[in-house]
Protein backbone atom coordinates (compact mmCIF):
# COMPACT_ATOMS: atom_id res chain seq x y z
CA MET A 1 -4.43 6.90 30.03
CA GLU A 2 -2.10 5.15 28.01
CA ILE A 3 -3.31 2.24 25.60
CA GLY A 4 -0.84 -1.27 25.99
CA ILE A 5 0.85 -3.39 23.73
CA GLY A 6 -2.53 -6.08 23.83
CA ALA A 7 -4.80 -3.78 22.61
CA TYR A 8 -2.93 -3.33 19.93
CA VAL A 9 -1.90 -7.09 19.36
CA VAL A 10 -5.42 -8.23 20.35
CA LEU A 11 -6.53 -5.77 17.95
CA SER A 12 -4.17 -6.74 14.94
CA ALA A 13 -4.91 -10.48 15.49
CA VAL A 14 -8.84 -9.60 14.82
CA LEU A 15 -7.87 -7.61 11.58
CA PHE A 16 -5.36 -11.19 10.55
CA THR A 17 -8.57 -13.11 11.29
CA LEU A 18 -10.87 -10.65 9.03
CA GLY A 19 -9.07 -10.50 6.11
CA ALA A 20 -7.58 -14.73 6.40
CA LEU A 21 -11.69 -15.23 5.90
CA GLY A 22 -11.46 -12.96 3.34
CA VAL A 23 -8.69 -14.28 1.44
CA MET A 24 -10.41 -18.06 1.99
CA LEU A 25 -14.31 -17.69 1.61
CA ARG A 26 -14.66 -14.74 -1.37
CA ARG A 27 -14.64 -15.39 -5.19
CA ASN A 28 -14.54 -11.59 -6.19
CA ALA A 29 -10.85 -11.02 -7.21
CA ILE A 30 -11.32 -7.31 -5.57
CA ILE A 31 -12.40 -8.56 -2.39
CA VAL A 32 -9.27 -10.82 -2.18
CA PHE A 33 -6.92 -8.40 -3.04
CA MET A 34 -8.54 -6.04 -0.50
CA SER A 35 -8.25 -9.02 2.55
CA VAL A 36 -4.77 -9.21 1.19
CA GLU A 37 -3.98 -5.83 2.15
CA LEU A 38 -5.94 -5.76 5.26
CA MET A 39 -3.40 -8.94 6.27
CA LEU A 40 -0.97 -6.79 5.70
CA ASN A 41 -1.90 -3.83 7.33
CA ALA A 42 -2.42 -6.34 10.23
CA ALA A 43 0.81 -7.02 10.24
CA ASN A 44 2.44 -3.48 10.20
CA LEU A 45 0.36 -2.54 12.81
CA ALA A 46 1.29 -5.29 15.27
CA PHE A 47 5.22 -4.64 13.89
CA VAL A 48 5.06 -0.46 14.86
CA ALA A 49 2.60 -1.79 18.33
CA PHE A 50 6.27 -3.57 19.18
CA ALA A 51 9.23 -1.05 18.10
CA ARG A 52 7.13 1.47 20.16
CA GLN A 53 7.34 -0.99 22.91
CA PHE A 54 11.18 -1.87 22.70
CA ASN A 55 11.96 1.26 21.74
CA ASP A 56 13.57 -0.50 18.35
CA VAL A 57 13.65 1.71 14.94
CA ASN A 58 13.70 -1.62 12.92
CA GLY A 59 10.03 -2.04 13.73
CA HIS A 60 9.46 0.72 11.84
CA LEU A 61 12.05 0.33 8.82
CA PHE A 62 10.03 -3.01 8.55
CA VAL A 63 7.07 -1.54 7.96
CA PHE A 64 8.14 0.99 5.51
CA PHE A 65 9.15 -1.95 2.83
CA VAL A 66 5.75 -3.44 3.73
CA ILE A 67 4.18 -0.94 2.96
CA THR A 68 6.01 -0.57 -0.18
CA VAL A 69 5.66 -3.89 -1.55
CA ALA A 70 2.12 -3.97 -1.33
CA ALA A 71 1.86 -0.84 -3.48
CA ALA A 72 3.61 -2.30 -6.38
CA GLU A 73 1.48 -5.27 -5.52
CA VAL A 74 -1.75 -3.75 -5.43
CA GLY A 75 -0.64 -1.89 -8.69
CA ILE A 76 -0.04 -5.14 -10.71
CA GLY A 77 -2.61 -6.79 -9.01
CA LEU A 78 -5.40 -4.63 -10.01
CA ALA A 79 -4.15 -4.55 -14.01
CA LEU A 80 -4.16 -8.74 -14.09
CA ILE A 81 -7.60 -7.66 -13.06
CA VAL A 82 -8.63 -5.36 -15.27
CA ALA A 83 -6.72 -7.80 -17.73
CA ILE A 84 -8.55 -10.56 -17.19
CA PHE A 85 -11.88 -8.90 -16.93
CA ARG A 86 -11.55 -7.47 -20.47
CA THR A 87 -11.09 -11.24 -21.89
CA LYS A 88 -13.60 -13.10 -19.66
CA LYS A 89 -16.10 -10.32 -18.72
CA SER A 90 -16.60 -11.50 -14.53
CA ILE A 91 -13.60 -11.32 -11.94
CA ASN A 92 -14.62 -14.60 -10.08
CA ILE A 93 -12.11 -16.56 -8.85
CA ASP A 94 -13.57 -19.82 -9.99
CA SER A 95 -13.94 -19.18 -13.54
CA MET A 96 -10.05 -17.91 -13.26
CA ASN A 97 -9.36 -22.12 -13.80
CA GLN A 98 -9.29 -21.58 -17.13
CA LEU A 99 -6.12 -19.88 -18.14
CA LYS A 100 -4.46 -21.96 -19.75
CA GLY A 101 -2.32 -21.45 -23.14
């Protein structure tokens, strides 16, 4: 029994929706970064599903580049969070509007 592409697309849509809700509703910077990563992985799942459906390598190649960019984003994002936490003693996004100058 083989799972159809529709199941992968539905799972990808659910994961992307959960990530988008996490970005919009949460105020913790780490949770927001995790939600962005969830959205990127949902898009990767859809790319891989369509690449496998159409026997095309370009989808897999695009996923490789997205994962590379996501890893760099996590490294830089966590460094920024640590730097902000050292100065503000909080990683609440609402308190970051005072980062002027």
